[in-house]
C-alpha atoms as a PDB file:
ATOM      1  CA  MET A   1      24.429  -2.972  -5.385  1.00  0.00           C
ATOM      2  CA  ASN A   2      23.327  -3.954  -1.646  1.00  0.00           C
ATOM      3  CA  LYS A   3      19.327  -4.081  -2.699  1.00  0.00           C
ATOM      4  CA  LYS A   4      17.172  -3.610   0.470  1.00  0.00           C
ATOM      5  CA  PRO A   5      15.384  -6.625   1.416  1.00  0.00           C
ATOM      6  CA  VAL A   6      11.502  -6.265   1.576  1.00  0.00           C
ATOM      7  CA  ILE A   7       8.062  -8.086   2.385  1.00  0.00           C
ATOM      8  CA  ILE A   8       5.438  -6.250   0.527  1.00  0.00           C
ATOM      9  CA  ASP A   9       1.686  -6.964   2.419  1.00  0.00           C
ATOM     10  CA  CYS A  10      -1.136  -5.978   0.258  1.00  0.00           C
ATOM     11  CA  ASP A  11      -4.850  -6.388  -0.482  1.00  0.00           C
ATOM     12  CA  PRO A  12      -4.881  -5.502  -4.163  1.00  0.00           C
ATOM     13  CA  GLY A  13      -6.687  -3.774  -5.351  1.00  0.00           C
ATOM     14  CA  LEU A  14      -5.967  -1.094  -8.166  1.00  0.00           C
ATOM     15  CA  ASP A  15      -3.631   0.652  -6.565  1.00  0.00           C
ATOM     16  CA  ASP A  16      -1.786  -2.172  -4.808  1.00  0.00           C
ATOM     17  CA  ALA A  17      -1.537  -3.525  -8.542  1.00  0.00           C
ATOM     18  CA  ILE A  18       0.005  -0.848  -9.499  1.00  0.00           C
ATOM     19  CA  ALA A  19       2.220  -0.632  -6.697  1.00  0.00           C
ATOM     20  CA  LEU A  20       3.324  -4.208  -7.162  1.00  0.00           C
ATOM     21  CA  VAL A  21       4.592  -2.935 -11.528  1.00  0.00           C
ATOM     22  CA  LEU A  22       6.982  -0.334  -9.375  1.00  0.00           C
ATOM     23  CA  ALA A  23       8.294  -2.451  -6.805  1.00  0.00           C
ATOM     24  CA  LEU A  24       9.377  -5.976  -8.885  1.00  0.00           C
ATOM     25  CA  SER A  25      10.759  -3.488 -11.318  1.00  0.00           C
ATOM     26  CA  GLU A  26      13.087  -1.627  -9.020  1.00  0.00           C
ATOM     27  CA  GLU A  27      16.622  -3.269  -9.089  1.00  0.00           C
ATOM     28  CA  SER A  28      17.400  -1.522  -5.353  1.00  0.00           C
ATOM     29  CA  LEU A  29      14.524  -3.623  -3.728  1.00  0.00           C
ATOM     30  CA  ASP A  30      14.921  -7.575  -2.667  1.00  0.00           C
ATOM     31  CA  VAL A  31      11.490  -8.351  -2.839  1.00  0.00           C
ATOM     32  CA  LYS A  32      11.304 -11.563  -0.031  1.00  0.00           C
ATOM     33  CA  CYS A  33       7.805 -12.808  -0.496  1.00  0.00           C
ATOM     34  CA  ILE A  34       4.379 -11.055  -1.114  1.00  0.00           C
ATOM     35  CA  THR A  35       1.675 -11.614   1.358  1.00  0.00           C
ATOM     36  CA  THR A  36      -2.257 -10.771   0.922  1.00  0.00           C
ATOM     37  CA  SER A  37      -5.084  -9.918   3.367  1.00  0.00           C
ATOM     38  CA  ALA A  38      -8.198  -8.506   2.969  1.00  0.00           C
ATOM     39  CA  GLY A  39      -9.448  -5.244   2.596  1.00  0.00           C
ATOM     40  CA  ASN A  40      -9.963  -3.925  -1.255  1.00  0.00           C
ATOM     41  CA  GLN A  41     -11.820  -6.867  -2.010  1.00  0.00           C
ATOM     42  CA  THR A  42     -12.192 -10.302  -0.278  1.00  0.00           C
ATOM     43  CA  PRO A  43      -9.837 -12.140   1.282  1.00  0.00           C
ATOM     44  CA  GLU A  44      -9.573 -14.746  -2.277  1.00  0.00           C
ATOM     45  CA  LYS A  45     -10.115 -11.772  -4.885  1.00  0.00           C
ATOM     46  CA  THR A  46      -7.270 -10.337  -3.268  1.00  0.00           C
ATOM     47  CA  LEU A  47      -5.167 -13.498  -3.395  1.00  0.00           C
ATOM     48  CA  ASN A  48      -5.904 -14.263  -6.776  1.00  0.00           C
ATOM     49  CA  ASN A  49      -5.001 -10.396  -7.780  1.00  0.00           C
ATOM     50  CA  ALA A  50      -1.700 -10.894  -6.691  1.00  0.00           C
ATOM     51  CA  LEU A  51      -0.948 -13.742  -8.402  1.00  0.00           C
ATOM     52  CA  LYS A  52      -3.042 -12.759 -11.658  1.00  0.00           C
ATOM     53  CA  VAL A  53      -0.772  -9.243 -11.549  1.00  0.00           C
ATOM     54  CA  LEU A  54       2.895 -10.919 -10.669  1.00  0.00           C
ATOM     55  CA  SER A  55       1.832 -13.720 -13.602  1.00  0.00           C
ATOM     56  CA  PHE A  56       1.239 -11.159 -15.946  1.00  0.00           C
ATOM     57  CA  ILE A  57       4.490  -8.774 -15.663  1.00  0.00           C
ATOM     58  CA  GLY A  58       6.458 -12.355 -15.642  1.00  0.00           C
ATOM     59  CA  LYS A  59       7.419 -12.374 -11.829  1.00  0.00           C
ATOM     60  CA  ASP A  60       7.691 -15.341  -9.890  1.00  0.00           C
ATOM     61  CA  LEU A  61       7.238 -14.885  -6.178  1.00  0.00           C
ATOM     62  CA  GLU A  62       6.194 -16.424  -3.061  1.00  0.00           C
ATOM     63  CA  VAL A  63       2.674 -14.937  -3.120  1.00  0.00           C
ATOM     64  CA  ALA A  64       1.017 -16.482   0.879  1.00  0.00           C
ATOM     65  CA  GLN A  65      -2.457 -15.826   2.054  1.00  0.00           C
ATOM     66  CA  GLY A  66      -3.122 -13.847   5.048  1.00  0.00           C
ATOM     67  CA  ALA A  67      -5.589 -13.127   7.255  1.00  0.00           C
ATOM     68  CA  GLY A  68      -9.485 -13.235   6.072  1.00  0.00           C
ATOM     69  CA  LYS A  69     -11.066 -11.140   8.007  1.00  0.00           C
ATOM     70  CA  PRO A  70      -9.890  -8.283  10.703  1.00  0.00           C
ATOM     71  CA  ILE A  71      -9.213  -9.606  13.911  1.00  0.00           C
ATOM     72  CA  LEU A  72     -12.283  -8.188  15.556  1.00  0.00           C
ATOM     73  CA  LYS A  73     -14.547  -6.340  13.056  1.00  0.00           C
ATOM     74  CA  ASP A  74     -16.543  -7.503  10.142  1.00  0.00           C
ATOM     75  CA  LEU A  75     -14.436  -7.051   7.084  1.00  0.00           C
ATOM     76  CA  VAL A  76     -15.238  -3.946   5.227  1.00  0.00           C
ATOM     77  CA  ILE A  77     -14.052  -4.156   1.465  1.00  0.00           C
ATOM     78  CA  ALA A  78     -14.272  -1.212  -0.717  1.00  0.00           C
ATOM     79  CA  GLY A  79     -15.871  -3.019  -3.861  1.00  0.00           C
ATOM     80  CA  ASP A  80     -17.555   0.566  -5.171  1.00  0.00           C
ATOM     81  CA  ILE A  81     -14.061   1.794  -5.993  1.00  0.00           C
ATOM     82  CA  HIS A  82     -12.067  -1.065  -7.012  1.00  0.00           C
ATOM     83  CA  GLY A  83     -14.956  -3.071  -8.560  1.00  0.00           C
ATOM     84  CA  GLU A  84     -16.362  -6.275  -8.283  1.00  0.00           C
ATOM     85  CA  SER A  85     -13.033  -8.194  -9.211  1.00  0.00           C
ATOM     86  CA  GLY A  86     -10.910  -5.573  -7.319  1.00  0.00           C
ATOM     87  CA  LEU A  87      -8.985  -4.893 -10.301  1.00  0.00           C
ATOM     88  CA  GLY A  88     -11.588  -2.929 -12.017  1.00  0.00           C
ATOM     89  CA  GLY A  89     -12.676  -3.488 -15.665  1.00  0.00           C
ATOM     90  CA  THR A  90      -9.034  -4.854 -16.113  1.00  0.00           C
ATOM     91  CA  GLU A  91      -8.930  -8.698 -17.597  1.00  0.00           C
ATOM     92  CA  LEU A  92      -6.177 -10.634 -16.693  1.00  0.00           C
ATOM     93  CA  PRO A  93      -4.969 -14.391 -17.882  1.00  0.00           C
ATOM     94  CA  GLU A  94      -5.397 -16.946 -15.192  1.00  0.00           C
ATOM     95  CA  ALA A  95      -2.641 -16.678 -12.924  1.00  0.00           C
ATOM     96  CA  THR A  96       0.217 -19.683 -13.754  1.00  0.00           C
ATOM     97  CA  LEU A  97       1.664 -18.743 -10.633  1.00  0.00           C
ATOM     98  CA  LYS A  98       0.192 -20.659  -7.645  1.00  0.00           C
ATOM     99  CA  LYS A  99      -0.275 -19.220  -3.827  1.00  0.00           C
ATOM    100  CA  SER A 100       2.385 -20.462  -1.618  1.00  0.00           C
ATOM    101  CA  ASN A 101       1.582 -23.837   0.828  1.00  0.00           C
ATOM    102  CA  ARG A 102       2.539 -21.551   3.851  1.00  0.00           C
ATOM    103  CA  SER A 103       0.090 -18.789   5.271  1.00  0.00           C
ATOM    104  CA  ALA A 104       1.619 -15.057   5.576  1.00  0.00           C
ATOM    105  CA  ILE A 105       2.166 -15.474   8.963  1.00  0.00           C
ATOM    106  CA  GLU A 106       4.216 -18.825   8.585  1.00  0.00           C
ATOM    107  CA  ALA A 107       6.202 -16.962   5.374  1.00  0.00           C
ATOM    108  CA  ILE A 108       6.942 -13.659   7.090  1.00  0.00           C
ATOM    109  CA  VAL A 109       8.252 -15.510  10.067  1.00  0.00           C
ATOM    110  CA  ASP A 110      10.700 -17.677   8.285  1.00  0.00           C
ATOM    111  CA  ILE A 111      12.204 -14.579   6.036  1.00  0.00           C
ATOM    112  CA  LEU A 112      12.707 -13.089   9.055  1.00  0.00           C
ATOM    113  CA  ASN A 113      14.243 -15.540  10.679  1.00  0.00           C
ATOM    114  CA  LYS A 114      16.579 -16.227   7.650  1.00  0.00           C
ATOM    115  CA  SER A 115      17.761 -13.246   6.719  1.00  0.00           C
ATOM    116  CA  ASP A 116      21.261 -11.889   7.713  1.00  0.00           C
ATOM    117  CA  GLU A 117      19.796  -8.064   7.811  1.00  0.00           C
ATOM    118  CA  LYS A 118      16.626  -6.636   8.979  1.00  0.00           C
ATOM    119  CA  VAL A 119      14.308  -6.158   6.464  1.00  0.00           C
ATOM    120  CA  THR A 120      11.121  -3.529   5.828  1.00  0.00           C
ATOM    121  CA  ILE A 121       7.855  -4.557   5.454  1.00  0.00           C
ATOM    122  CA  ILE A 122       5.734  -2.194   2.660  1.00  0.00           C
ATOM    123  CA  ALA A 123       1.991  -2.720   4.157  1.00  0.00           C
ATOM    124  CA  THR A 124      -0.912  -1.342   1.190  1.00  0.00           C
ATOM    125  CA  GLY A 125      -3.515  -2.315   2.666  1.00  0.00           C
ATOM    126  CA  PRO A 126      -5.483  -3.271   6.066  1.00  0.00           C
ATOM    127  CA  LEU A 127      -2.526  -4.022   9.301  1.00  0.00           C
ATOM    128  CA  THR A 128      -3.942  -7.278   9.633  1.00  0.00           C
ATOM    129  CA  ASN A 129      -1.075  -9.995   9.008  1.00  0.00           C
ATOM    130  CA  ILE A 130       1.276  -7.493  10.574  1.00  0.00           C
ATOM    131  CA  GLY A 131      -1.127  -6.745  13.669  1.00  0.00           C
ATOM    132  CA  ILE A 132      -1.427 -11.167  13.862  1.00  0.00           C
ATOM    133  CA  LEU A 133       2.500 -11.027  13.367  1.00  0.00           C
ATOM    134  CA  LEU A 134       3.259  -9.358  16.393  1.00  0.00           C
ATOM    135  CA  VAL A 135       1.255 -10.639  18.895  1.00  0.00           C
ATOM    136  CA  SER A 136       1.551 -14.141  17.823  1.00  0.00           C
ATOM    137  CA  HIS A 137       5.629 -14.001  17.587  1.00  0.00           C
ATOM    138  CA  PRO A 138       6.751 -10.566  19.555  1.00  0.00           C
ATOM    139  CA  GLU A 139      10.370 -11.456  19.053  1.00  0.00           C
ATOM    140  CA  ILE A 140       9.976 -10.950  15.727  1.00  0.00           C
ATOM    141  CA  LYS A 141      10.088  -7.236  15.817  1.00  0.00           C
ATOM    142  CA  ASP A 142      13.813  -6.841  16.264  1.00  0.00           C
ATOM    143  CA  LYS A 143      13.776  -8.477  12.561  1.00  0.00           C
ATOM    144  CA  ILE A 144      12.351  -5.566  11.127  1.00  0.00           C
ATOM    145  CA  GLU A 145      14.047  -2.892  10.132  1.00  0.00           C
ATOM    146  CA  ARG A 146      10.984  -0.808   9.799  1.00  0.00           C
ATOM    147  CA  ILE A 147       7.031  -0.749   8.585  1.00  0.00           C
ATOM    148  CA  THR A 148       6.163   1.753   5.399  1.00  0.00           C
ATOM    149  CA  LEU A 149       2.381   1.584   5.377  1.00  0.00           C
ATOM    150  CA  MET A 150      -0.122   3.020   3.215  1.00  0.00           C
ATOM    151  CA  GLY A 151      -2.951   4.371   5.784  1.00  0.00           C
ATOM    152  CA  GLY A 152      -4.265   6.900   7.867  1.00  0.00           C
ATOM    153  CA  ALA A 153      -4.398  10.744   7.649  1.00  0.00           C
ATOM    154  CA  CYS A 154      -3.696  13.744   9.907  1.00  0.00           C
ATOM    155  CA  PHE A 155      -6.294  16.180   8.733  1.00  0.00           C
ATOM    156  CA  GLY A 156      -9.635  13.690   7.718  1.00  0.00           C
ATOM    157  CA  GLY A 157     -10.449  10.336   6.140  1.00  0.00           C
ATOM    158  CA  ASN A 158     -11.954   9.003   3.118  1.00  0.00           C
ATOM    159  CA  LYS A 159     -13.925   6.169   4.529  1.00  0.00           C
ATOM    160  CA  THR A 160     -15.420   8.102   7.361  1.00  0.00           C
ATOM    161  CA  PRO A 161     -14.918  12.224   7.926  1.00  0.00           C
ATOM    162  CA  ALA A 162     -12.544  11.413  10.135  1.00  0.00           C
ATOM    163  CA  ALA A 163     -10.685   7.748   9.111  1.00  0.00           C
ATOM    164  CA  GLU A 164      -8.893   6.742   6.093  1.00  0.00           C
ATOM    165  CA  PHE A 165      -9.868   3.062   4.630  1.00  0.00           C
ATOM    166  CA  ASN A 166      -6.506   1.082   5.367  1.00  0.00           C
ATOM    167  CA  ILE A 167      -6.833   2.039   9.278  1.00  0.00           C
ATOM    168  CA  TYR A 168     -10.865   2.050   9.369  1.00  0.00           C
ATOM    169  CA  VAL A 169     -10.637  -1.764   8.234  1.00  0.00           C
ATOM    170  CA  ASP A 170      -8.782  -2.967  11.436  1.00  0.00           C
ATOM    171  CA  PRO A 171      -8.237  -0.406  13.658  1.00  0.00           C
ATOM    172  CA  GLU A 172      -7.152  -2.824  16.291  1.00  0.00           C
ATOM    173  CA  ALA A 173      -4.252  -4.448  14.164  1.00  0.00           C
ATOM    174  CA  ALA A 174      -3.146  -0.862  13.367  1.00  0.00           C
ATOM    175  CA  ASN A 175      -3.315  -0.171  16.875  1.00  0.00           C
ATOM    176  CA  ILE A 176      -1.030  -3.126  17.791  1.00  0.00           C
ATOM    177  CA  VAL A 177       1.268  -2.203  14.738  1.00  0.00           C
ATOM    178  CA  PHE A 178       1.465   1.786  15.871  1.00  0.00           C
ATOM    179  CA  ASN A 179       2.412   0.898  19.737  1.00  0.00           C
ATOM    180  CA  SER A 180       4.908  -1.639  18.745  1.00  0.00           C
ATOM    181  CA  GLY A 181       7.999   0.560  19.139  1.00  0.00           C
ATOM    182  CA  ILE A 182       8.851  -0.348  15.334  1.00  0.00           C
ATOM    183  CA  PRO A 183       9.781   2.680  13.398  1.00  0.00           C
ATOM    184  CA  ILE A 184       7.352   3.372  11.080  1.00  0.00           C
ATOM    185  CA  VAL A 185       6.485   5.047   7.907  1.00  0.00           C
ATOM    186  CA  MET A 186       3.298   6.418   7.339  1.00  0.00           C
ATOM    187  CA  CYS A 187       2.250   7.173   3.965  1.00  0.00           C
ATOM    188  CA  GLY A 188      -1.356   8.598   4.552  1.00  0.00           C
ATOM    189  CA  LEU A 189      -3.973  10.970   2.533  1.00  0.00           C
ATOM    190  CA  ASP A 190      -2.130  13.849   3.763  1.00  0.00           C
ATOM    191  CA  VAL A 191       0.623  12.930   0.323  1.00  0.00           C
ATOM    192  CA  THR A 192      -1.501  10.253  -1.626  1.00  0.00           C
ATOM    193  CA  SER A 193      -3.963  12.597  -1.962  1.00  0.00           C
ATOM    194  CA  LYS A 194      -1.001  15.076  -3.965  1.00  0.00           C
ATOM    195  CA  ALA A 195      -0.224  11.596  -6.141  1.00  0.00           C
ATOM    196  CA  GLN A 196      -2.276  11.928  -8.707  1.00  0.00           C
ATOM    197  CA  MET A 197      -2.470  11.412 -12.375  1.00  0.00           C
ATOM    198  CA  PHE A 198      -4.078  13.060 -14.943  1.00  0.00           C
ATOM    199  CA  LYS A 199      -5.556  11.902 -18.256  1.00  0.00           C
ATOM    200  CA  LYS A 200      -2.868  13.189 -20.445  1.00  0.00           C
ATOM    201  CA  GLU A 201      -0.397  10.618 -18.259  1.00  0.00           C
ATOM    202  CA  ILE A 202      -2.290   7.818 -18.400  1.00  0.00           C
ATOM    203  CA  ASN A 203      -2.550   8.414 -22.420  1.00  0.00           C
ATOM    204  CA  ASP A 204       0.797   8.410 -22.387  1.00  0.00           C
ATOM    205  CA  MET A 205       1.307   5.524 -19.941  1.00  0.00           C
ATOM    206  CA  ARG A 206      -0.955   3.416 -22.649  1.00  0.00           C
ATOM    207  CA  ASN A 207       1.710   4.439 -25.414  1.00  0.00           C
ATOM    208  CA  ILE A 208       4.463   3.189 -24.120  1.00  0.00           C
ATOM    209  CA  GLY A 209       4.553   0.233 -25.691  1.00  0.00           C
ATOM    210  CA  ASN A 210       4.322  -2.660 -23.575  1.00  0.00           C
ATOM    211  CA  LYS A 211       1.064  -5.260 -22.148  1.00  0.00           C
ATOM    212  CA  VAL A 212       2.568  -3.071 -18.579  1.00  0.00           C
ATOM    213  CA  GLY A 213       1.670  -0.075 -19.361  1.00  0.00           C
ATOM    214  CA  VAL A 214      -1.441  -0.992 -21.304  1.00  0.00           C
ATOM    215  CA  MET A 215      -2.637  -3.008 -17.678  1.00  0.00           C
ATOM    216  CA  VAL A 216      -1.584  -0.121 -15.939  1.00  0.00           C
ATOM    217  CA  ALA A 217      -3.712   2.207 -17.773  1.00  0.00           C
ATOM    218  CA  ASP A 218      -6.740   0.642 -17.715  1.00  0.00           C
ATOM    219  CA  ILE A 219      -6.537   0.025 -14.130  1.00  0.00           C
ATOM    220  CA  LEU A 220      -6.025   4.132 -13.809  1.00  0.00           C
ATOM    221  CA  ASP A 221      -9.018   4.220 -16.138  1.00  0.00           C
ATOM    222  CA  PHE A 222     -11.313   2.426 -14.094  1.00  0.00           C
ATOM    223  CA  TYR A 223      -9.655   4.167 -10.817  1.00  0.00           C
ATOM    224  CA  SER A 224     -10.998   7.192 -12.665  1.00  0.00           C
ATOM    225  CA  SER A 225     -14.216   6.475 -12.960  1.00  0.00           C
ATOM    226  CA  THR A 226     -14.737   5.698  -9.005  1.00  0.00           C
ATOM    227  CA  THR A 227     -12.701   8.673  -7.678  1.00  0.00           C
ATOM    228  CA  THR A 228     -13.481  11.988  -6.905  1.00  0.00           C
ATOM    229  CA  PRO A 229     -11.992  14.616  -9.901  1.00  0.00           C
ATOM    230  CA  HIS A 230      -9.327  17.437  -8.179  1.00  0.00           C
ATOM    231  CA  PHE A 231     -10.207  21.237  -8.545  1.00  0.00           C
ATOM    232  CA  LEU A 232      -7.588  23.369  -9.355  1.00  0.00           C
ATOM    233  CA  SER A 233      -7.314  26.687  -8.273  1.00  0.00           C
ATOM    234  CA  ASP A 234      -9.431  28.641 -11.131  1.00  0.00           C
ATOM    235  CA  GLY A 235     -12.498  26.514 -10.087  1.00  0.00           C
ATOM    236  CA  THR A 236     -12.095  23.872 -12.868  1.00  0.00           C
ATOM    237  CA  LYS A 237     -11.708  19.969 -12.228  1.00  0.00           C
ATOM    238  CA  GLU A 238      -9.069  17.543 -13.317  1.00  0.00           C
ATOM    239  CA  GLU A 239      -9.943  14.180 -13.253  1.00  0.00           C
ATOM    240  CA  GLY A 240      -7.697  11.686 -12.228  1.00  0.00           C
ATOM    241  CA  PRO A 241      -7.000   9.132  -9.743  1.00  0.00           C
ATOM    242  CA  HIS A 242      -4.817   8.948  -6.521  1.00  0.00           C
ATOM    243  CA  LEU A 243      -2.184   6.888  -6.232  1.00  0.00           C
ATOM    244  CA  HIS A 244      -2.370   5.748  -2.817  1.00  0.00           C
ATOM    245  CA  ASP A 245      -0.306   2.533  -2.253  1.00  0.00           C
ATOM    246  CA  VAL A 246       2.674   3.225  -4.829  1.00  0.00           C
ATOM    247  CA  CYS A 247       3.471   6.383  -2.326  1.00  0.00           C
ATOM    248  CA  ALA A 248       4.970   3.707   0.290  1.00  0.00           C
ATOM    249  CA  VAL A 249       7.130   2.028  -2.498  1.00  0.00           C
ATOM    250  CA  ALA A 250       8.464   4.970  -4.372  1.00  0.00           C
ATOM    251  CA  TYR A 251       9.305   6.027  -0.310  1.00  0.00           C
ATOM    252  CA  GLU A 252      11.735   3.187  -0.075  1.00  0.00           C
ATOM    253  CA  ILE A 253      13.060   3.583  -3.378  1.00  0.00           C
ATOM    254  CA  ASP A 254      13.652   7.336  -3.151  1.00  0.00           C
ATOM    255  CA  PRO A 255      12.601   8.878   0.376  1.00  0.00           C
ATOM    256  CA  THR A 256      14.220  12.281  -0.963  1.00  0.00           C
ATOM    257  CA  LEU A 257      10.823  12.796  -3.293  1.00  0.00           C
ATOM    258  CA  PHE A 258       8.929  12.966  -0.113  1.00  0.00           C
ATOM    259  CA  ILE A 259       8.798  15.297   2.738  1.00  0.00           C
ATOM    260  CA  THR A 260       8.079  14.347   6.098  1.00  0.00           C
ATOM    261  CA  LYS A 261       7.645  15.340   9.951  1.00  0.00           C
ATOM    262  CA  LYS A 262       8.407  13.072  13.228  1.00  0.00           C
ATOM    263  CA  CYS A 263       5.579  12.754  15.038  1.00  0.00           C
ATOM    264  CA  ASN A 264       3.307  10.486  17.557  1.00  0.00           C
ATOM    265  CA  VAL A 265       0.360   8.923  16.122  1.00  0.00           C
ATOM    266  CA  VAL A 266      -2.244   6.943  18.194  1.00  0.00           C
ATOM    267  CA  VAL A 267      -5.075   5.000  16.380  1.00  0.00           C
ATOM    268  CA  GLU A 268      -8.859   5.449  17.963  1.00  0.00           C
ATOM    269  CA  THR A 269     -10.242   2.057  18.204  1.00  0.00           C
ATOM    270  CA  SER A 270     -13.225   3.526  20.242  1.00  0.00           C
ATOM    271  CA  GLY A 271     -14.779   6.282  19.194  1.00  0.00           C
ATOM    272  CA  GLU A 272     -17.837   6.995  18.004  1.00  0.00           C
ATOM    273  CA  TYR A 273     -17.196   9.169  14.914  1.00  0.00           C
ATOM    274  CA  THR A 274     -13.562   8.490  15.291  1.00  0.00           C
ATOM    275  CA  LYS A 275     -13.051   4.840  14.987  1.00  0.00           C
ATOM    276  CA  GLY A 276      -9.780   4.076  12.591  1.00  0.00           C
ATOM    277  CA  SER A 277      -8.329   6.990  12.618  1.00  0.00           C
ATOM    278  CA  THR A 278      -5.033   8.044  13.122  1.00  0.00           C
ATOM    279  CA  VAL A 279      -4.664  10.884  15.188  1.00  0.00           C
ATOM    280  CA  VAL A 280      -1.243  12.493  14.753  1.00  0.00           C
ATOM    281  CA  ASP A 281       0.143  15.079  17.067  1.00  0.00           C
ATOM    282  CA  TYR A 282       1.437  17.291  14.465  1.00  0.00           C
ATOM    283  CA  ASN A 283       2.069  20.037  17.034  1.00  0.00           C
ATOM    284  CA  GLY A 284       3.780  17.913  19.351  1.00  0.00           C
ATOM    285  CA  VAL A 285       0.984  18.946  22.128  1.00  0.00           C
ATOM    286  CA  THR A 286       1.886  16.004  24.085  1.00  0.00           C
ATOM    287  CA  ASP A 287       4.673  14.526  25.130  1.00  0.00           C
ATOM    288  CA  ARG A 288       4.255  11.289  23.762  1.00  0.00           C
ATOM    289  CA  VAL A 289       6.838   9.551  22.088  1.00  0.00           C
ATOM    290  CA  LYS A 290       7.048  10.507  18.042  1.00  0.00           C
ATOM    291  CA  ASN A 291       6.780   7.006  16.623  1.00  0.00           C
ATOM    292  CA  THR A 292       6.141   7.598  13.395  1.00  0.00           C
ATOM    293  CA  GLU A 293       7.535   9.732  10.321  1.00  0.00           C
ATOM    294  CA  VAL A 294       4.515  11.142   8.555  1.00  0.00           C
ATOM    295  CA  VAL A 295       4.757  11.847   4.996  1.00  0.00           C
ATOM    296  CA  PHE A 296       3.044  15.115   3.796  1.00  0.00           C
ATOM    297  CA  ASP A 297       4.162  16.035   0.273  1.00  0.00           C
ATOM    298  CA  LEU A 298       5.546  14.935  -2.534  1.00  0.00           C
ATOM    299  CA  ASP A 299       7.729  15.556  -5.716  1.00  0.00           C
ATOM    300  CA  ARG A 300       4.773  14.684  -8.125  1.00  0.00           C
ATOM    301  CA  LYS A 301       7.099  14.922 -11.454  1.00  0.00           C
ATOM    302  CA  ARG A 302       9.792  12.827 -10.406  1.00  0.00           C
ATOM    303  CA  PHE A 303       6.868  10.465  -8.567  1.00  0.00           C
ATOM    304  CA  ILE A 304       5.694  10.049 -12.093  1.00  0.00           C
ATOM    305  CA  ASP A 305       8.350   9.909 -13.761  1.00  0.00           C
ATOM    306  CA  MET A 306       9.904   7.004 -11.410  1.00  0.00           C
ATOM    307  CA  LEU A 307       6.625   5.114 -12.382  1.00  0.00           C
ATOM    308  CA  PHE A 308       6.944   5.849 -15.816  1.00  0.00           C
ATOM    309  CA  ASN A 309      10.182   4.566 -16.046  1.00  0.00           C
ATOM    310  CA  ALA A 310       9.604   1.614 -14.005  1.00  0.00           C
ATOM    311  CA  VAL A 311       6.508   0.561 -16.759  1.00  0.00           C
ATOM    312  CA  LYS A 312       9.304   0.466 -19.407  1.00  0.00           C
ATOM    313  CA  LYS A 313      11.654  -1.970 -17.838  1.00  0.00           C
ATOM    314  CA  TYR A 314       9.353  -4.406 -18.940  1.00  0.00           C
ATOM    315  CA  ASN A 315      10.000  -3.883 -22.675  1.00  0.00           C
ATOM    316  CA  GLU A 316      13.554  -5.070 -21.481  1.00  0.00           C
END
């Protein structure tokens, strides 16, 4: 099997942790490095969480720390969603892995330059590291296959009425990425709001019978307590968290799970009410280049089955 080389840039984070579990179980992905940025929590916490998760699931990979703050803005975190630690109430042992001596940018540049084939970047946090990379090493973009990211939205935000959190945290970095000419796959709120996991499924995850399943279930239980319930067509509510970041990894494993549309996407960097929003030309009313494969829907059952199968692999 020809494995797909990928770099995962993340800000763990509840759903980032689950995305790492999925990515590092998958035989079709060759994860070259994990890089971290501030976002869901402060930079030291997101780094420590990445190290803890990898140590806990038994994966020995380079983890390189990236930017401590956005390019221009002050840092905004999501402690109200992800908890004080960034992993909610989930207590993991201290990491046995140590952070890389290289910065995120140094690690990414070295990996891209040494790779015989183009590398895909999966970004599940603010795009600060990728924005800095493209400005500081503009020649490197030809070595990137695509950037598959969790971020943005076509039809409304979750940090502001217009803006999704990851893009809102660093709109300037996102603007660099979307204007880079690199192929982009955007797994925004339009699809991730449908990637929900319900209580029975969380209980089934806990009962898989390994420590990774328990960790994922613990994370999801906390996540359920800090996210908005899903209302069914009959008016009843069914609580369960949205697996936002997991969608970006799942797309790279099996894009047939998803429905997409090629659109132009630009990032609003200065609007009084819309800063950080992704303006998606869904109806093609401009002649701007369709620079992004925007993901709008998924086969939820197959998506959840993929995650369960991934966690079961940690029995082996």
